[in-house]
Amino acid sequence: MINKTAAPKAPWYVIPADQKWYTRYLVSEVIVKTLRDMDPKYPEMPEEEKKLLADCKKTLMDEEA
């Protein structure tokens, strides 16, 4: 069943569960590898929104005084 349903973009992993520490270690390794392969990046904020954010921060800081 695993071989029939696994796909390159959605693989299955068979992880032994008889030792919790080892199970957690293997799962964390899969997650780290997946994130490294994805190479996620923070989205770039448009300049207009950066200015708006700076203005909001200034307003909040002025109100605290």
PDB file of N, CA and C in Angstrom:
ATOM      1  N   MET A   1       0.827  -1.184   0.000  1.00  0.00           N
ATOM      2  CA  MET A   1       0.000   0.000   0.000  1.00  0.00           C
ATOM      3  C   MET A   1       0.874   1.250   0.000  1.00  0.00           C
ATOM      4  N   ILE A   2       1.928   1.250   0.787  1.00  0.00           N
ATOM      5  CA  ILE A   2       2.794   2.429   0.851  1.00  0.00           C
ATOM      6  C   ILE A   2       3.428   2.691  -0.502  1.00  0.00           C
ATOM      7  N   ASN A   3       3.932   1.653  -1.147  1.00  0.00           N
ATOM      8  CA  ASN A   3       4.549   1.825  -2.467  1.00  0.00           C
ATOM      9  C   ASN A   3       3.557   2.307  -3.514  1.00  0.00           C
ATOM     10  N   LYS A   4       2.308   1.917  -3.391  1.00  0.00           N
ATOM     11  CA  LYS A   4       1.288   2.310  -4.368  1.00  0.00           C
ATOM     12  C   LYS A   4       0.808   3.754  -4.167  1.00  0.00           C
ATOM     13  N   THR A   5       0.896   4.267  -2.933  1.00  0.00           N
ATOM     14  CA  THR A   5       0.341   5.602  -2.663  1.00  0.00           C
ATOM     15  C   THR A   5       1.394   6.685  -2.491  1.00  0.00           C
ATOM     16  N   ALA A   6       2.642   6.309  -2.310  1.00  0.00           N
ATOM     17  CA  ALA A   6       3.695   7.318  -2.138  1.00  0.00           C
ATOM     18  C   ALA A   6       4.005   7.963  -3.485  1.00  0.00           C
ATOM     19  N   ALA A   7       4.360   9.231  -3.429  1.00  0.00           N
ATOM     20  CA  ALA A   7       4.733   9.979  -4.633  1.00  0.00           C
ATOM     21  C   ALA A   7       5.958  10.821  -4.302  1.00  0.00           C
ATOM     22  N   PRO A   8       6.730  11.219  -5.310  1.00  0.00           N
ATOM     23  CA  PRO A   8       7.921  12.036  -5.021  1.00  0.00           C
ATOM     24  C   PRO A   8       7.612  13.293  -4.211  1.00  0.00           C
ATOM     25  N   LYS A   9       6.478  13.920  -4.469  1.00  0.00           N
ATOM     26  CA  LYS A   9       6.128  15.138  -3.725  1.00  0.00           C
ATOM     27  C   LYS A   9       5.383  14.840  -2.429  1.00  0.00           C
ATOM     28  N   ALA A  10       4.982  13.601  -2.233  1.00  0.00           N
ATOM     29  CA  ALA A  10       4.262  13.216  -1.011  1.00  0.00           C
ATOM     30  C   ALA A  10       4.702  11.821  -0.583  1.00  0.00           C
ATOM     31  N   PRO A  11       5.958  11.705  -0.121  1.00  0.00           N
ATOM     32  CA  PRO A  11       6.444  10.372   0.258  1.00  0.00           C
ATOM     33  C   PRO A  11       5.888   9.906   1.600  1.00  0.00           C
ATOM     34  N   TRP A  12       5.920   8.609   1.788  1.00  0.00           N
ATOM     35  CA  TRP A  12       5.588   8.005   3.058  1.00  0.00           C
ATOM     36  C   TRP A  12       6.894   7.660   3.757  1.00  0.00           C
ATOM     37  N   TYR A  13       6.885   7.697   5.061  1.00  0.00           N
ATOM     38  CA  TYR A  13       8.032   7.294   5.857  1.00  0.00           C
ATOM     39  C   TYR A  13       7.564   6.258   6.869  1.00  0.00           C
ATOM     40  N   VAL A  14       8.276   5.149   6.936  1.00  0.00           N
ATOM     41  CA  VAL A  14       7.978   4.126   7.920  1.00  0.00           C
ATOM     42  C   VAL A  14       8.927   4.362   9.083  1.00  0.00           C
ATOM     43  N   ILE A  15       8.340   4.717  10.225  1.00  0.00           N
ATOM     44  CA  ILE A  15       9.133   5.089  11.392  1.00  0.00           C
ATOM     45  C   ILE A  15       8.787   4.146  12.548  1.00  0.00           C
ATOM     46  N   PRO A  16       9.791   3.475  13.103  1.00  0.00           N
ATOM     47  CA  PRO A  16       9.503   2.607  14.242  1.00  0.00           C
ATOM     48  C   PRO A  16       9.056   3.437  15.442  1.00  0.00           C
ATOM     49  N   ALA A  17       8.124   2.900  16.207  1.00  0.00           N
ATOM     50  CA  ALA A  17       7.566   3.649  17.331  1.00  0.00           C
ATOM     51  C   ALA A  17       7.783   2.957  18.671  1.00  0.00           C
ATOM     52  N   ASP A  18       8.699   2.025  18.730  1.00  0.00           N
ATOM     53  CA  ASP A  18       8.886   1.308  19.989  1.00  0.00           C
ATOM     54  C   ASP A  18       9.765   2.067  20.982  1.00  0.00           C
ATOM     55  N   GLN A  19      10.491   3.084  20.509  1.00  0.00           N
ATOM     56  CA  GLN A  19      11.282   3.936  21.409  1.00  0.00           C
ATOM     57  C   GLN A  19      10.978   5.392  21.052  1.00  0.00           C
ATOM     58  N   LYS A  20      10.327   6.097  21.974  1.00  0.00           N
ATOM     59  CA  LYS A  20       9.874   7.457  21.677  1.00  0.00           C
ATOM     60  C   LYS A  20      11.004   8.383  21.261  1.00  0.00           C
ATOM     61  N   TRP A  21      12.130   8.325  21.942  1.00  0.00           N
ATOM     62  CA  TRP A  21      13.230   9.236  21.621  1.00  0.00           C
ATOM     63  C   TRP A  21      13.710   9.009  20.195  1.00  0.00           C
ATOM     64  N   TYR A  22      13.762   7.757  19.757  1.00  0.00           N
ATOM     65  CA  TYR A  22      14.244   7.445  18.414  1.00  0.00           C
ATOM     66  C   TYR A  22      13.205   7.846  17.365  1.00  0.00           C
ATOM     67  N   THR A  23      11.933   7.635  17.680  1.00  0.00           N
ATOM     68  CA  THR A  23      10.853   8.046  16.784  1.00  0.00           C
ATOM     69  C   THR A  23      10.902   9.554  16.568  1.00  0.00           C
ATOM     70  N   ARG A  24      11.033  10.303  17.659  1.00  0.00           N
ATOM     71  CA  ARG A  24      11.084  11.763  17.564  1.00  0.00           C
ATOM     72  C   ARG A  24      12.310  12.228  16.790  1.00  0.00           C
ATOM     73  N   TYR A  25      13.423  11.552  17.006  1.00  0.00           N
ATOM     74  CA  TYR A  25      14.650  11.886  16.275  1.00  0.00           C
ATOM     75  C   TYR A  25      14.441  11.695  14.770  1.00  0.00           C
ATOM     76  N   LEU A  26      13.888  10.559  14.363  1.00  0.00           N
ATOM     77  CA  LEU A  26      13.682  10.293  12.940  1.00  0.00           C
ATOM     78  C   LEU A  26      12.707  11.283  12.312  1.00  0.00           C
ATOM     79  N   VAL A  27      11.633  11.580  13.019  1.00  0.00           N
ATOM     80  CA  VAL A  27      10.659  12.548  12.506  1.00  0.00           C
ATOM     81  C   VAL A  27      11.308  13.922  12.351  1.00  0.00           C
ATOM     82  N   SER A  28      12.117  14.316  13.323  1.00  0.00           N
ATOM     83  CA  SER A  28      12.783  15.624  13.227  1.00  0.00           C
ATOM     84  C   SER A  28      13.752  15.649  12.045  1.00  0.00           C
ATOM     85  N   GLU A  29      14.419  14.539  11.766  1.00  0.00           N
ATOM     86  CA  GLU A  29      15.325  14.476  10.620  1.00  0.00           C
ATOM     87  C   GLU A  29      14.563  14.643   9.305  1.00  0.00           C
ATOM     88  N   VAL A  30      13.401  14.031   9.207  1.00  0.00           N
ATOM     89  CA  VAL A  30      12.577  14.170   8.001  1.00  0.00           C
ATOM     90  C   VAL A  30      12.141  15.622   7.834  1.00  0.00           C
ATOM     91  N   ILE A  31      11.717  16.251   8.922  1.00  0.00           N
ATOM     92  CA  ILE A  31      11.266  17.645   8.866  1.00  0.00           C
ATOM     93  C   ILE A  31      12.409  18.560   8.464  1.00  0.00           C
ATOM     94  N   VAL A  32      13.574  18.388   9.060  1.00  0.00           N
ATOM     95  CA  VAL A  32      14.723  19.234   8.730  1.00  0.00           C
ATOM     96  C   VAL A  32      15.106  19.062   7.273  1.00  0.00           C
ATOM     97  N   LYS A  33      15.149  17.827   6.784  1.00  0.00           N
ATOM     98  CA  LYS A  33      15.507  17.592   5.385  1.00  0.00           C
ATOM     99  C   LYS A  33      14.495  18.244   4.445  1.00  0.00           C
ATOM    100  N   THR A  34      13.221  18.100   4.772  1.00  0.00           N
ATOM    101  CA  THR A  34      12.169  18.688   3.943  1.00  0.00           C
ATOM    102  C   THR A  34      12.303  20.207   3.897  1.00  0.00           C
ATOM    103  N   LEU A  35      12.541  20.834   5.050  1.00  0.00           N
ATOM    104  CA  LEU A  35      12.696  22.286   5.081  1.00  0.00           C
ATOM    105  C   LEU A  35      13.933  22.731   4.314  1.00  0.00           C
ATOM    106  N   ARG A  36      15.024  21.993   4.428  1.00  0.00           N
ATOM    107  CA  ARG A  36      16.233  22.339   3.665  1.00  0.00           C
ATOM    108  C   ARG A  36      15.994  22.224   2.169  1.00  0.00           C
ATOM    109  N   ASP A  37      15.277  21.179   1.758  1.00  0.00           N
ATOM    110  CA  ASP A  37      14.964  21.007   0.340  1.00  0.00           C
ATOM    111  C   ASP A  37      14.050  22.114  -0.171  1.00  0.00           C
ATOM    112  N   MET A  38      13.122  22.559   0.681  1.00  0.00           N
ATOM    113  CA  MET A  38      12.200  23.635   0.299  1.00  0.00           C
ATOM    114  C   MET A  38      12.910  24.976   0.226  1.00  0.00           C
ATOM    115  N   ASP A  39      13.896  25.179   1.076  1.00  0.00           N
ATOM    116  CA  ASP A  39      14.630  26.440   1.179  1.00  0.00           C
ATOM    117  C   ASP A  39      13.667  27.625   1.314  1.00  0.00           C
ATOM    118  N   PRO A  40      12.844  27.621   2.386  1.00  0.00           N
ATOM    119  CA  PRO A  40      11.861  28.695   2.540  1.00  0.00           C
ATOM    120  C   PRO A  40      12.521  30.049   2.790  1.00  0.00           C
ATOM    121  N   LYS A  41      11.887  31.093   2.321  1.00  0.00           N
ATOM    122  CA  LYS A  41      12.364  32.463   2.478  1.00  0.00           C
ATOM    123  C   LYS A  41      11.224  33.332   3.014  1.00  0.00           C
ATOM    124  N   TYR A  42      11.600  34.345   3.791  1.00  0.00           N
ATOM    125  CA  TYR A  42      10.597  35.309   4.215  1.00  0.00           C
ATOM    126  C   TYR A  42      10.154  36.105   2.995  1.00  0.00           C
ATOM    127  N   PRO A  43       8.881  36.433   2.910  1.00  0.00           N
ATOM    128  CA  PRO A  43       8.425  37.240   1.781  1.00  0.00           C
ATOM    129  C   PRO A  43       8.968  38.663   1.894  1.00  0.00           C
ATOM    130  N   GLU A  44       9.217  39.278   0.767  1.00  0.00           N
ATOM    131  CA  GLU A  44       9.682  40.661   0.743  1.00  0.00           C
ATOM    132  C   GLU A  44       8.488  41.597   0.943  1.00  0.00           C
ATOM    133  N   MET A  45       8.659  42.555   1.829  1.00  0.00           N
ATOM    134  CA  MET A  45       7.603  43.523   2.081  1.00  0.00           C
ATOM    135  C   MET A  45       7.780  44.699   1.124  1.00  0.00           C
ATOM    136  N   PRO A  46       6.718  45.071   0.426  1.00  0.00           N
ATOM    137  CA  PRO A  46       6.809  46.224  -0.471  1.00  0.00           C
ATOM    138  C   PRO A  46       7.173  47.497   0.308  1.00  0.00           C
ATOM    139  N   GLU A  47       7.873  48.409  -0.344  1.00  0.00           N
ATOM    140  CA  GLU A  47       8.316  49.650   0.300  1.00  0.00           C
ATOM    141  C   GLU A  47       7.145  50.436   0.883  1.00  0.00           C
ATOM    142  N   GLU A  48       6.035  50.447   0.182  1.00  0.00           N
ATOM    143  CA  GLU A  48       4.848  51.173   0.646  1.00  0.00           C
ATOM    144  C   GLU A  48       4.374  50.636   2.008  1.00  0.00           C
ATOM    145  N   GLU A  49       4.392  49.308   2.148  1.00  0.00           N
ATOM    146  CA  GLU A  49       3.968  48.701   3.418  1.00  0.00           C
ATOM    147  C   GLU A  49       5.004  48.933   4.514  1.00  0.00           C
ATOM    148  N   LYS A  50       6.287  48.957   4.158  1.00  0.00           N
ATOM    149  CA  LYS A  50       7.331  49.253   5.142  1.00  0.00           C
ATOM    150  C   LYS A  50       7.129  50.649   5.718  1.00  0.00           C
ATOM    151  N   LYS A  51       6.799  51.605   4.851  1.00  0.00           N
ATOM    152  CA  LYS A  51       6.576  52.976   5.301  1.00  0.00           C
ATOM    153  C   LYS A  51       5.354  53.031   6.224  1.00  0.00           C
ATOM    154  N   LEU A  52       4.291  52.349   5.833  1.00  0.00           N
ATOM    155  CA  LEU A  52       3.080  52.317   6.657  1.00  0.00           C
ATOM    156  C   LEU A  52       3.386  51.704   8.028  1.00  0.00           C
ATOM    157  N   LEU A  53       4.158  50.628   8.051  1.00  0.00           N
ATOM    158  CA  LEU A  53       4.528  49.985   9.300  1.00  0.00           C
ATOM    159  C   LEU A  53       5.359  50.923  10.185  1.00  0.00           C
ATOM    160  N   ALA A  54       6.288  51.642   9.579  1.00  0.00           N
ATOM    161  CA  ALA A  54       7.107  52.596  10.329  1.00  0.00           C
ATOM    162  C   ALA A  54       6.236  53.718  10.898  1.00  0.00           C
ATOM    163  N   ASP A  55       5.276  54.188  10.118  1.00  0.00           N
ATOM    164  CA  ASP A  55       4.364  55.231  10.588  1.00  0.00           C
ATOM    165  C   ASP A  55       3.521  54.728  11.767  1.00  0.00           C
ATOM    166  N   CYS A  56       3.036  53.496  11.681  1.00  0.00           N
ATOM    167  CA  CYS A  56       2.243  52.912  12.772  1.00  0.00           C
ATOM    168  C   CYS A  56       3.095  52.784  14.035  1.00  0.00           C
ATOM    169  N   LYS A  57       4.329  52.339  13.881  1.00  0.00           N
ATOM    170  CA  LYS A  57       5.221  52.199  15.024  1.00  0.00           C
ATOM    171  C   LYS A  57       5.464  53.552  15.678  1.00  0.00           C
ATOM    172  N   LYS A  58       5.687  54.586  14.853  1.00  0.00           N
ATOM    173  CA  LYS A  58       5.925  55.925  15.382  1.00  0.00           C
ATOM    174  C   LYS A  58       4.711  56.406  16.171  1.00  0.00           C
ATOM    175  N   THR A  59       3.525  56.171  15.614  1.00  0.00           N
ATOM    176  CA  THR A  59       2.285  56.568  16.301  1.00  0.00           C
ATOM    177  C   THR A  59       2.166  55.867  17.658  1.00  0.00           C
ATOM    178  N   LEU A  60       2.430  54.567  17.679  1.00  0.00           N
ATOM    179  CA  LEU A  60       2.341  53.826  18.934  1.00  0.00           C
ATOM    180  C   LEU A  60       3.370  54.311  19.949  1.00  0.00           C
ATOM    181  N   MET A  61       4.584  54.571  19.481  1.00  0.00           N
ATOM    182  CA  MET A  61       5.635  55.018  20.396  1.00  0.00           C
ATOM    183  C   MET A  61       5.324  56.410  20.947  1.00  0.00           C
ATOM    184  N   ASP A  62       4.732  57.282  20.129  1.00  0.00           N
ATOM    185  CA  ASP A  62       4.361  58.630  20.568  1.00  0.00           C
ATOM    186  C   ASP A  62       3.249  58.567  21.613  1.00  0.00           C
ATOM    187  N   GLU A  63       2.311  57.622  21.464  1.00  0.00           N
ATOM    188  CA  GLU A  63       1.186  57.510  22.403  1.00  0.00           C
ATOM    189  C   GLU A  63       1.648  56.976  23.756  1.00  0.00           C
ATOM    190  N   GLU A  64       2.726  56.206  23.807  1.00  0.00           N
ATOM    191  CA  GLU A  64       3.204  55.664  25.065  1.00  0.00           C
ATOM    192  C   GLU A  64       3.827  56.732  25.947  1.00  0.00           C
ATOM    193  N   ALA A  65       4.358  57.796  25.360  1.00  0.00           N
ATOM    194  CA  ALA A  65       5.040  58.831  26.125  1.00  0.00           C
ATOM    195  C   ALA A  65       4.091  59.693  26.915  1.00  0.00           C
TER     196      ALA A  65
END
